[in-house]
Amino acid sequence: MRGVKRVVAVFAVLIVALIVLAFVLENQQDVSLSFLGQSTRQMPVSVFVVVALIVGMLIGPLLSVVVGRRRLVAK
């Protein structure tokens, strides 16, 4: 059973990697983002989206840990 789970996990990672690769290859238009008067240099739109995805994947679990600790302290 452990071997089947490992194969399914590897298959899922490969599928996600192929989807990300297809996304990056399809979104090569150069854009510049502006926020509060600051702007970035021209980069492919896929770079901005992938960076936003990674930042969200880091912030989400950190926030859940903070909220979980607050609930434990409040009890």
Protein backbone atom coordinates (compact mmCIF):
# COMPACT_ATOMS: atom_id res chain seq x y z
CA MET A 1 0.00 0.00 0.00
CA ARG A 2 2.88 2.36 0.77
CA GLY A 3 4.26 1.84 -2.76
CA VAL A 4 0.93 2.74 -4.33
CA LYS A 5 0.75 5.98 -2.31
CA ARG A 6 4.27 6.87 -3.38
CA VAL A 7 3.45 6.27 -7.06
CA VAL A 8 0.28 8.37 -6.79
CA ALA A 9 2.22 11.18 -5.06
CA VAL A 10 4.94 11.16 -7.73
CA PHE A 11 2.29 11.15 -10.46
CA ALA A 12 0.48 14.10 -8.84
CA VAL A 13 3.72 16.09 -8.55
CA LEU A 14 4.51 15.40 -12.21
CA ILE A 15 1.04 16.57 -13.27
CA VAL A 16 1.40 19.80 -11.26
CA ALA A 17 4.89 20.38 -12.71
CA LEU A 18 3.57 19.93 -16.26
CA ILE A 19 0.71 22.35 -15.59
CA VAL A 20 3.11 24.97 -14.21
CA LEU A 21 5.44 24.45 -17.19
CA ALA A 22 2.55 24.89 -19.64
CA PHE A 23 1.44 28.03 -17.79
CA VAL A 24 4.93 29.54 -17.91
CA LEU A 25 5.36 28.74 -21.60
CA GLU A 26 1.96 30.27 -22.47
CA ASN A 27 2.48 33.50 -20.50
CA GLN A 28 5.69 35.01 -21.84
CA GLN A 29 4.34 38.55 -22.44
CA ASP A 30 6.43 41.18 -20.68
CA VAL A 31 4.61 43.37 -18.17
CA SER A 32 5.55 45.92 -15.55
CA LEU A 33 3.61 46.14 -12.28
CA SER A 34 2.95 49.45 -10.50
CA PHE A 35 1.95 49.78 -6.85
CA LEU A 36 1.95 52.96 -4.73
CA GLY A 37 4.11 54.80 -7.22
CA GLN A 38 6.73 52.03 -7.44
CA SER A 39 7.06 49.96 -10.59
CA THR A 40 8.96 46.82 -11.46
CA ARG A 41 11.07 46.20 -14.51
CA GLN A 42 9.60 44.37 -17.48
CA MET A 43 9.30 40.62 -16.78
CA PRO A 44 7.08 37.83 -18.09
CA VAL A 45 3.65 37.76 -16.45
CA SER A 46 4.23 34.15 -15.41
CA VAL A 47 7.07 35.26 -13.10
CA PHE A 48 4.74 37.55 -11.16
CA VAL A 49 2.03 34.90 -10.90
CA VAL A 50 4.41 32.15 -9.76
CA VAL A 51 6.00 34.47 -7.18
CA ALA A 52 2.53 35.37 -5.89
CA LEU A 53 1.70 31.65 -5.67
CA ILE A 54 4.85 30.89 -3.68
CA VAL A 55 4.31 33.84 -1.32
CA GLY A 56 0.73 32.71 -0.74
CA MET A 57 1.86 29.16 -0.06
CA LEU A 58 4.27 30.49 2.59
CA ILE A 59 1.92 33.00 4.22
CA GLY A 60 -1.11 30.68 4.41
CA PRO A 61 0.42 28.06 6.70
CA LEU A 62 2.11 30.73 8.83
CA LEU A 63 -1.23 32.45 9.41
CA SER A 64 -2.90 29.16 10.29
CA VAL A 65 -0.19 28.51 12.91
CA VAL A 66 -0.69 31.98 14.42
CA VAL A 67 -4.48 31.59 14.52
CA GLY A 68 -4.15 28.07 15.97
CA ARG A 69 -1.91 29.32 18.77
CA ARG A 70 -4.33 32.13 19.58
CA ARG A 71 -7.17 29.62 19.89
CA LEU A 72 -5.11 27.45 22.23
CA VAL A 73 -4.20 30.45 24.41
CA ALA A 74 -7.82 31.64 24.50
CA LYS A 75 -9.09 28.30 25.83
